[in-house]
Amino acid sequence: GYPFHLAAENVAAGQPTLTGLIDDWKKSPTHSRN
């Protein structure tokens, strides 16, 4: 029920902490852009 005009998604597995996850996504141009 969420009508959108913009949407993006990042997924990941194996990072034990949120901080580590965000750090990994920052290093990836696609994930960082999202």
PDB file of all heavy atoms in Angstrom:
ATOM      1  N   GLY A   1       0.800  -1.218   0.000  1.00  0.00           N
ATOM      2  CA  GLY A   1       0.000   0.000   0.000  1.00  0.00           C
ATOM      3  C   GLY A   1       0.835   1.272   0.000  1.00  0.00           C
ATOM      4  O   GLY A   1       0.347   2.331   0.404  1.00  0.00           O
ATOM      5  N   TYR A   2       2.074   1.194  -0.436  1.00  0.00           N
ATOM      6  CA  TYR A   2       2.948   2.373  -0.480  1.00  0.00           C
ATOM      7  C   TYR A   2       3.163   2.762  -1.938  1.00  0.00           C
ATOM      8  O   TYR A   2       4.031   2.226  -2.615  1.00  0.00           O
ATOM      9  CB  TYR A   2       4.295   2.061   0.185  1.00  0.00           C
ATOM     10  CG  TYR A   2       5.213   3.255   0.305  1.00  0.00           C
ATOM     11  CD1 TYR A   2       5.203   4.040   1.444  1.00  0.00           C
ATOM     12  CD2 TYR A   2       6.103   3.583  -0.713  1.00  0.00           C
ATOM     13  CE1 TYR A   2       6.056   5.137   1.563  1.00  0.00           C
ATOM     14  CE2 TYR A   2       6.958   4.678  -0.610  1.00  0.00           C
ATOM     15  CZ  TYR A   2       6.921   5.447   0.529  1.00  0.00           C
ATOM     16  OH  TYR A   2       7.763   6.525   0.651  1.00  0.00           O
ATOM     17  N   PRO A   3       2.371   3.718  -2.436  1.00  0.00           N
ATOM     18  CA  PRO A   3       2.594   4.189  -3.806  1.00  0.00           C
ATOM     19  C   PRO A   3       3.861   5.043  -3.824  1.00  0.00           C
ATOM     20  O   PRO A   3       4.020   5.937  -3.007  1.00  0.00           O
ATOM     21  CB  PRO A   3       1.351   5.021  -4.108  1.00  0.00           C
ATOM     22  CG  PRO A   3       0.844   5.451  -2.777  1.00  0.00           C
ATOM     23  CD  PRO A   3       1.276   4.403  -1.784  1.00  0.00           C
ATOM     24  N   PHE A   4       4.779   4.766  -4.716  1.00  0.00           N
ATOM     25  CA  PHE A   4       6.073   5.418  -4.678  1.00  0.00           C
ATOM     26  C   PHE A   4       6.447   5.961  -6.047  1.00  0.00           C
ATOM     27  O   PHE A   4       5.953   5.506  -7.073  1.00  0.00           O
ATOM     28  CB  PHE A   4       7.147   4.425  -4.214  1.00  0.00           C
ATOM     29  CG  PHE A   4       7.389   3.336  -5.218  1.00  0.00           C
ATOM     30  CD1 PHE A   4       8.411   3.439  -6.143  1.00  0.00           C
ATOM     31  CD2 PHE A   4       6.577   2.217  -5.264  1.00  0.00           C
ATOM     32  CE1 PHE A   4       8.620   2.449  -7.088  1.00  0.00           C
ATOM     33  CE2 PHE A   4       6.776   1.219  -6.203  1.00  0.00           C
ATOM     34  CZ  PHE A   4       7.796   1.338  -7.115  1.00  0.00           C
ATOM     35  N   HIS A   5       7.321   6.947  -6.048  1.00  0.00           N
ATOM     36  CA  HIS A   5       7.937   7.376  -7.303  1.00  0.00           C
ATOM     37  C   HIS A   5       9.448   7.145  -7.272  1.00  0.00           C
ATOM     38  O   HIS A   5      10.119   7.276  -8.287  1.00  0.00           O
ATOM     39  CB  HIS A   5       7.597   8.847  -7.634  1.00  0.00           C
ATOM     40  CG  HIS A   5       8.448   9.860  -6.939  1.00  0.00           C
ATOM     41  ND1 HIS A   5       8.118  10.376  -5.721  1.00  0.00           N
ATOM     42  CD2 HIS A   5       9.621  10.431  -7.295  1.00  0.00           C
ATOM     43  CE1 HIS A   5       9.056  11.250  -5.345  1.00  0.00           C
ATOM     44  NE2 HIS A   5       9.979  11.298  -6.279  1.00  0.00           N
ATOM     45  N   LEU A   6       9.966   6.784  -6.091  1.00  0.00           N
ATOM     46  CA  LEU A   6      11.378   6.500  -5.921  1.00  0.00           C
ATOM     47  C   LEU A   6      11.519   5.358  -4.926  1.00  0.00           C
ATOM     48  O   LEU A   6      10.884   5.380  -3.867  1.00  0.00           O
ATOM     49  CB  LEU A   6      12.100   7.743  -5.372  1.00  0.00           C
ATOM     50  CG  LEU A   6      13.543   7.574  -4.949  1.00  0.00           C
ATOM     51  CD1 LEU A   6      14.432   7.433  -6.182  1.00  0.00           C
ATOM     52  CD2 LEU A   6      13.981   8.743  -4.097  1.00  0.00           C
ATOM     53  N   ALA A   7      12.332   4.360  -5.255  1.00  0.00           N
ATOM     54  CA  ALA A   7      12.590   3.267  -4.322  1.00  0.00           C
ATOM     55  C   ALA A   7      13.925   2.620  -4.652  1.00  0.00           C
ATOM     56  O   ALA A   7      14.285   2.469  -5.814  1.00  0.00           O
ATOM     57  CB  ALA A   7      11.481   2.224  -4.397  1.00  0.00           C
ATOM     58  N   ALA A   8      14.655   2.266  -3.614  1.00  0.00           N
ATOM     59  CA  ALA A   8      15.916   1.552  -3.765  1.00  0.00           C
ATOM     60  C   ALA A   8      16.063   0.601  -2.582  1.00  0.00           C
ATOM     61  O   ALA A   8      15.501   0.837  -1.505  1.00  0.00           O
ATOM     62  CB  ALA A   8      17.088   2.524  -3.818  1.00  0.00           C
ATOM     63  N   GLU A   9      16.845  -0.447  -2.794  1.00  0.00           N
ATOM     64  CA  GLU A   9      16.998  -1.468  -1.764  1.00  0.00           C
ATOM     65  C   GLU A   9      18.446  -1.936  -1.705  1.00  0.00           C
ATOM     66  O   GLU A   9      19.077  -2.147  -2.736  1.00  0.00           O
ATOM     67  CB  GLU A   9      16.084  -2.644  -2.102  1.00  0.00           C
ATOM     68  CG  GLU A   9      16.213  -3.835  -1.185  1.00  0.00           C
ATOM     69  CD  GLU A   9      15.316  -4.978  -1.627  1.00  0.00           C
ATOM     70  OE1 GLU A   9      15.422  -5.434  -2.783  1.00  0.00           O
ATOM     71  OE2 GLU A   9      14.521  -5.409  -0.794  1.00  0.00           O
ATOM     72  N   ASN A  10      18.947  -2.087  -0.494  1.00  0.00           N
ATOM     73  CA  ASN A  10      20.237  -2.732  -0.244  1.00  0.00           C
ATOM     74  C   ASN A  10      19.975  -3.987   0.568  1.00  0.00           C
ATOM     75  O   ASN A  10      19.143  -3.958   1.489  1.00  0.00           O
ATOM     76  CB  ASN A  10      21.172  -1.831   0.568  1.00  0.00           C
ATOM     77  CG  ASN A  10      21.719  -0.666  -0.214  1.00  0.00           C
ATOM     78  OD1 ASN A  10      21.522  -0.550  -1.416  1.00  0.00           O
ATOM     79  ND2 ASN A  10      22.410   0.232   0.478  1.00  0.00           N
ATOM     80  N   VAL A  11      20.674  -5.060   0.260  1.00  0.00           N
ATOM     81  CA  VAL A  11      20.612  -6.273   1.074  1.00  0.00           C
ATOM     82  C   VAL A  11      22.036  -6.714   1.376  1.00  0.00           C
ATOM     83  O   VAL A  11      22.973  -6.392   0.646  1.00  0.00           O
ATOM     84  CB  VAL A  11      19.818  -7.411   0.389  1.00  0.00           C
ATOM     85  CG1 VAL A  11      18.357  -7.019   0.207  1.00  0.00           C
ATOM     86  CG2 VAL A  11      20.428  -7.814  -0.937  1.00  0.00           C
ATOM     87  N   ALA A  12      22.194  -7.452   2.463  1.00  0.00           N
ATOM     88  CA  ALA A  12      23.512  -7.945   2.844  1.00  0.00           C
ATOM     89  C   ALA A  12      23.353  -9.113   3.807  1.00  0.00           C
ATOM     90  O   ALA A  12      22.291  -9.292   4.411  1.00  0.00           O
ATOM     91  CB  ALA A  12      24.338  -6.838   3.499  1.00  0.00           C
ATOM     92  N   ALA A  13      24.421  -9.859   3.954  1.00  0.00           N
ATOM     93  CA  ALA A  13      24.426 -10.967   4.903  1.00  0.00           C
ATOM     94  C   ALA A  13      25.821 -11.114   5.492  1.00  0.00           C
ATOM     95  O   ALA A  13      26.823 -10.900   4.804  1.00  0.00           O
ATOM     96  CB  ALA A  13      24.010 -12.260   4.207  1.00  0.00           C
ATOM     97  N   GLY A  14      25.864 -11.444   6.771  1.00  0.00           N
ATOM     98  CA  GLY A  14      27.130 -11.760   7.421  1.00  0.00           C
ATOM     99  C   GLY A  14      27.725 -10.684   8.302  1.00  0.00           C
ATOM    100  O   GLY A  14      28.585 -10.980   9.121  1.00  0.00           O
ATOM    101  N   GLN A  15      27.296  -9.451   8.163  1.00  0.00           N
ATOM    102  CA  GLN A  15      27.845  -8.385   9.017  1.00  0.00           C
ATOM    103  C   GLN A  15      27.231  -8.509  10.410  1.00  0.00           C
ATOM    104  O   GLN A  15      26.009  -8.478  10.550  1.00  0.00           O
ATOM    105  CB  GLN A  15      27.542  -7.005   8.440  1.00  0.00           C
ATOM    106  CG  GLN A  15      28.224  -6.720   7.131  1.00  0.00           C
ATOM    107  CD  GLN A  15      27.481  -7.294   5.930  1.00  0.00           C
ATOM    108  OE1 GLN A  15      26.459  -7.953   6.060  1.00  0.00           O
ATOM    109  NE2 GLN A  15      28.004  -7.057   4.747  1.00  0.00           N
ATOM    110  N   PRO A  16      28.063  -8.626  11.452  1.00  0.00           N
ATOM    111  CA  PRO A  16      27.516  -8.840  12.789  1.00  0.00           C
ATOM    112  C   PRO A  16      26.913  -7.595  13.445  1.00  0.00           C
ATOM    113  O   PRO A  16      26.121  -7.707  14.373  1.00  0.00           O
ATOM    114  CB  PRO A  16      28.709  -9.351  13.600  1.00  0.00           C
ATOM    115  CG  PRO A  16      29.913  -8.851  12.872  1.00  0.00           C
ATOM    116  CD  PRO A  16      29.517  -8.758  11.428  1.00  0.00           C
ATOM    117  N   THR A  17      27.282  -6.393  12.948  1.00  0.00           N
ATOM    118  CA  THR A  17      26.771  -5.169  13.572  1.00  0.00           C
ATOM    119  C   THR A  17      26.235  -4.212  12.509  1.00  0.00           C
ATOM    120  O   THR A  17      26.666  -4.247  11.350  1.00  0.00           O
ATOM    121  CB  THR A  17      27.876  -4.429  14.350  1.00  0.00           C
ATOM    122  OG1 THR A  17      28.865  -3.953  13.431  1.00  0.00           O
ATOM    123  CG2 THR A  17      28.513  -5.326  15.405  1.00  0.00           C
ATOM    124  N   LEU A  18      25.344  -3.343  12.936  1.00  0.00           N
ATOM    125  CA  LEU A  18      24.810  -2.320  12.042  1.00  0.00           C
ATOM    126  C   LEU A  18      25.933  -1.381  11.572  1.00  0.00           C
ATOM    127  O   LEU A  18      25.992  -1.001  10.405  1.00  0.00           O
ATOM    128  CB  LEU A  18      23.696  -1.535  12.734  1.00  0.00           C
ATOM    129  CG  LEU A  18      23.043  -0.425  11.925  1.00  0.00           C
ATOM    130  CD1 LEU A  18      22.394  -0.977  10.656  1.00  0.00           C
ATOM    131  CD2 LEU A  18      22.010   0.315  12.768  1.00  0.00           C
ATOM    132  N   THR A  19      26.837  -1.037  12.462  1.00  0.00           N
ATOM    133  CA  THR A  19      27.956  -0.162  12.100  1.00  0.00           C
ATOM    134  C   THR A  19      28.806  -0.798  11.004  1.00  0.00           C
ATOM    135  O   THR A  19      29.171  -0.142  10.025  1.00  0.00           O
ATOM    136  CB  THR A  19      28.828   0.142  13.334  1.00  0.00           C
ATOM    137  OG1 THR A  19      28.019   0.759  14.326  1.00  0.00           O
ATOM    138  CG2 THR A  19      29.990   1.059  12.983  1.00  0.00           C
ATOM    139  N   GLY A  20      29.111  -2.079  11.143  1.00  0.00           N
ATOM    140  CA  GLY A  20      29.885  -2.777  10.123  1.00  0.00           C
ATOM    141  C   GLY A  20      29.150  -2.855   8.801  1.00  0.00           C
ATOM    142  O   GLY A  20      29.748  -2.721   7.723  1.00  0.00           O
ATOM    143  N   LEU A  21      27.852  -3.062   8.877  1.00  0.00           N
ATOM    144  CA  LEU A  21      27.022  -3.111   7.678  1.00  0.00           C
ATOM    145  C   LEU A  21      27.064  -1.783   6.932  1.00  0.00           C
ATOM    146  O   LEU A  21      27.323  -1.740   5.726  1.00  0.00           O
ATOM    147  CB  LEU A  21      25.578  -3.443   8.056  1.00  0.00           C
ATOM    148  CG  LEU A  21      24.547  -3.316   6.941  1.00  0.00           C
ATOM    149  CD1 LEU A  21      24.685  -4.456   5.953  1.00  0.00           C
ATOM    150  CD2 LEU A  21      23.152  -3.259   7.530  1.00  0.00           C
ATOM    151  N   ILE A  22      26.830  -0.693   7.642  1.00  0.00           N
ATOM    152  CA  ILE A  22      26.827   0.634   7.017  1.00  0.00           C
ATOM    153  C   ILE A  22      28.203   0.942   6.433  1.00  0.00           C
ATOM    154  O   ILE A  22      28.312   1.470   5.323  1.00  0.00           O
ATOM    155  CB  ILE A  22      26.390   1.727   8.021  1.00  0.00           C
ATOM    156  CG1 ILE A  22      24.952   1.475   8.516  1.00  0.00           C
ATOM    157  CG2 ILE A  22      26.521   3.122   7.408  1.00  0.00           C
ATOM    158  CD1 ILE A  22      23.897   1.482   7.439  1.00  0.00           C
ATOM    159  N   ASP A  23      29.257   0.579   7.150  1.00  0.00           N
ATOM    160  CA  ASP A  23      30.613   0.796   6.633  1.00  0.00           C
ATOM    161  C   ASP A  23      30.823   0.034   5.317  1.00  0.00           C
ATOM    162  O   ASP A  23      31.394   0.572   4.369  1.00  0.00           O
ATOM    163  CB  ASP A  23      31.667   0.372   7.651  1.00  0.00           C
ATOM    164  CG  ASP A  23      31.804   1.335   8.812  1.00  0.00           C
ATOM    165  OD1 ASP A  23      31.334   2.499   8.687  1.00  0.00           O
ATOM    166  OD2 ASP A  23      32.377   0.938   9.836  1.00  0.00           O
ATOM    167  N   ASP A  24      30.348  -1.213   5.251  1.00  0.00           N
ATOM    168  CA  ASP A  24      30.474  -1.991   4.015  1.00  0.00           C
ATOM    169  C   ASP A  24      29.688  -1.346   2.877  1.00  0.00           C
ATOM    170  O   ASP A  24      30.177  -1.255   1.747  1.00  0.00           O
ATOM    171  CB  ASP A  24      29.993  -3.429   4.223  1.00  0.00           C
ATOM    172  CG  ASP A  24      30.998  -4.289   4.965  1.00  0.00           C
ATOM    173  OD1 ASP A  24      32.132  -3.830   5.205  1.00  0.00           O
ATOM    174  OD2 ASP A  24      30.635  -5.439   5.309  1.00  0.00           O
ATOM    175  N   TRP A  25      28.471  -0.911   3.163  1.00  0.00           N
ATOM    176  CA  TRP A  25      27.662  -0.283   2.123  1.00  0.00           C
ATOM    177  C   TRP A  25      28.285   1.037   1.648  1.00  0.00           C
ATOM    178  O   TRP A  25      28.204   1.377   0.484  1.00  0.00           O
ATOM    179  CB  TRP A  25      26.235  -0.068   2.599  1.00  0.00           C
ATOM    180  CG  TRP A  25      25.375  -1.305   2.532  1.00  0.00           C
ATOM    181  CD1 TRP A  25      25.596  -2.415   1.780  1.00  0.00           C
ATOM    182  CD2 TRP A  25      24.157  -1.521   3.215  1.00  0.00           C
ATOM    183  NE1 TRP A  25      24.576  -3.319   1.966  1.00  0.00           N
ATOM    184  CE2 TRP A  25      23.680  -2.797   2.851  1.00  0.00           C
ATOM    185  CE3 TRP A  25      23.408  -0.776   4.126  1.00  0.00           C
ATOM    186  CZ2 TRP A  25      22.487  -3.338   3.335  1.00  0.00           C
ATOM    187  CZ3 TRP A  25      22.231  -1.313   4.618  1.00  0.00           C
ATOM    188  CH2 TRP A  25      21.774  -2.584   4.230  1.00  0.00           C
ATOM    189  N   LYS A  26      28.901   1.784   2.542  1.00  0.00           N
ATOM    190  CA  LYS A  26      29.569   3.034   2.152  1.00  0.00           C
ATOM    191  C   LYS A  26      30.692   2.782   1.145  1.00  0.00           C
ATOM    192  O   LYS A  26      30.968   3.620   0.296  1.00  0.00           O
ATOM    193  CB  LYS A  26      30.159   3.737   3.380  1.00  0.00           C
ATOM    194  CG  LYS A  26      29.167   4.448   4.235  1.00  0.00           C
ATOM    195  CD  LYS A  26      29.952   5.034   5.404  1.00  0.00           C
ATOM    196  CE  LYS A  26      29.156   5.878   6.311  1.00  0.00           C
ATOM    197  NZ  LYS A  26      29.998   6.410   7.415  1.00  0.00           N
ATOM    198  N   LYS A  27      31.353   1.641   1.248  1.00  0.00           N
ATOM    199  CA  LYS A  27      32.473   1.297   0.366  1.00  0.00           C
ATOM    200  C   LYS A  27      32.020   0.855  -1.024  1.00  0.00           C
ATOM    201  O   LYS A  27      32.833   0.788  -1.940  1.00  0.00           O
ATOM    202  CB  LYS A  27      33.307   0.184   0.995  1.00  0.00           C
ATOM    203  CG  LYS A  27      34.006   0.597   2.265  1.00  0.00           C
ATOM    204  CD  LYS A  27      34.664  -0.608   2.910  1.00  0.00           C
ATOM    205  CE  LYS A  27      35.107  -0.289   4.322  1.00  0.00           C
ATOM    206  NZ  LYS A  27      35.507  -1.500   5.051  1.00  0.00           N
ATOM    207  N   SER A  28      30.755   0.553  -1.164  1.00  0.00           N
ATOM    208  CA  SER A  28      30.207   0.099  -2.446  1.00  0.00           C
ATOM    209  C   SER A  28      29.509   1.272  -3.131  1.00  0.00           C
ATOM    210  O   SER A  28      28.553   1.833  -2.583  1.00  0.00           O
ATOM    211  CB  SER A  28      29.197  -1.021  -2.202  1.00  0.00           C
ATOM    212  OG  SER A  28      28.362  -1.198  -3.328  1.00  0.00           O
ATOM    213  N   PRO A  29      29.944   1.665  -4.328  1.00  0.00           N
ATOM    214  CA  PRO A  29      29.306   2.806  -4.991  1.00  0.00           C
ATOM    215  C   PRO A  29      27.792   2.657  -5.156  1.00  0.00           C
ATOM    216  O   PRO A  29      27.047   3.605  -4.910  1.00  0.00           O
ATOM    217  CB  PRO A  29      30.005   2.865  -6.354  1.00  0.00           C
ATOM    218  CG  PRO A  29      31.341   2.253  -6.116  1.00  0.00           C
ATOM    219  CD  PRO A  29      31.095   1.162  -5.095  1.00  0.00           C
ATOM    220  N   THR A  30      27.329   1.487  -5.525  1.00  0.00           N
ATOM    221  CA  THR A  30      25.886   1.285  -5.724  1.00  0.00           C
ATOM    222  C   THR A  30      25.123   1.380  -4.416  1.00  0.00           C
ATOM    223  O   THR A  30      24.098   2.060  -4.324  1.00  0.00           O
ATOM    224  CB  THR A  30      25.621  -0.087  -6.380  1.00  0.00           C
ATOM    225  OG1 THR A  30      26.345  -0.155  -7.600  1.00  0.00           O
ATOM    226  CG2 THR A  30      24.150  -0.280  -6.651  1.00  0.00           C
ATOM    227  N   HIS A  31      25.615   0.695  -3.388  1.00  0.00           N
ATOM    228  CA  HIS A  31      24.925   0.712  -2.096  1.00  0.00           C
ATOM    229  C   HIS A  31      24.980   2.099  -1.462  1.00  0.00           C
ATOM    230  O   HIS A  31      23.995   2.565  -0.876  1.00  0.00           O
ATOM    231  CB  HIS A  31      25.522  -0.333  -1.159  1.00  0.00           C
ATOM    232  CG  HIS A  31      25.300  -1.733  -1.612  1.00  0.00           C
ATOM    233  ND1 HIS A  31      26.281  -2.464  -2.227  1.00  0.00           N
ATOM    234  CD2 HIS A  31      24.200  -2.519  -1.572  1.00  0.00           C
ATOM    235  CE1 HIS A  31      25.800  -3.655  -2.529  1.00  0.00           C
ATOM    236  NE2 HIS A  31      24.531  -3.707  -2.156  1.00  0.00           N
ATOM    237  N   SER A  32      26.120   2.757  -1.566  1.00  0.00           N
ATOM    238  CA  SER A  32      26.256   4.107  -1.024  1.00  0.00           C
ATOM    239  C   SER A  32      25.281   5.063  -1.711  1.00  0.00           C
ATOM    240  O   SER A  32      24.612   5.867  -1.049  1.00  0.00           O
ATOM    241  CB  SER A  32      27.694   4.587  -1.202  1.00  0.00           C
ATOM    242  OG  SER A  32      27.859   5.865  -0.644  1.00  0.00           O
ATOM    243  N   ARG A  33      25.193   4.972  -3.032  1.00  0.00           N
ATOM    244  CA  ARG A  33      24.272   5.834  -3.789  1.00  0.00           C
ATOM    245  C   ARG A  33      22.829   5.617  -3.308  1.00  0.00           C
ATOM    246  O   ARG A  33      22.079   6.575  -3.126  1.00  0.00           O
ATOM    247  CB  ARG A  33      24.409   5.538  -5.282  1.00  0.00           C
ATOM    248  CG  ARG A  33      23.596   6.441  -6.165  1.00  0.00           C
ATOM    249  CD  ARG A  33      23.887   6.276  -7.659  1.00  0.00           C
ATOM    250  NE  ARG A  33      24.018   4.893  -8.111  1.00  0.00           N
ATOM    251  CZ  ARG A  33      25.164   4.327  -8.499  1.00  0.00           C
ATOM    252  NH1 ARG A  33      26.295   5.002  -8.474  1.00  0.00           N
ATOM    253  NH2 ARG A  33      25.181   3.078  -8.911  1.00  0.00           N
ATOM    254  N   ASN A  34      22.443   4.371  -3.078  1.00  0.00           N
ATOM    255  CA  ASN A  34      21.087   4.098  -2.584  1.00  0.00           C
ATOM    256  C   ASN A  34      20.838   4.761  -1.232  1.00  0.00           C
ATOM    257  O   ASN A  34      19.768   5.323  -0.987  1.00  0.00           O
ATOM    258  CB  ASN A  34      20.844   2.594  -2.465  1.00  0.00           C
ATOM    259  CG  ASN A  34      20.636   1.925  -3.790  1.00  0.00           C
ATOM    260  OD1 ASN A  34      20.429   2.571  -4.814  1.00  0.00           O
ATOM    261  ND2 ASN A  34      20.696   0.605  -3.789  1.00  0.00           N
TER     262      ASN A  34
END
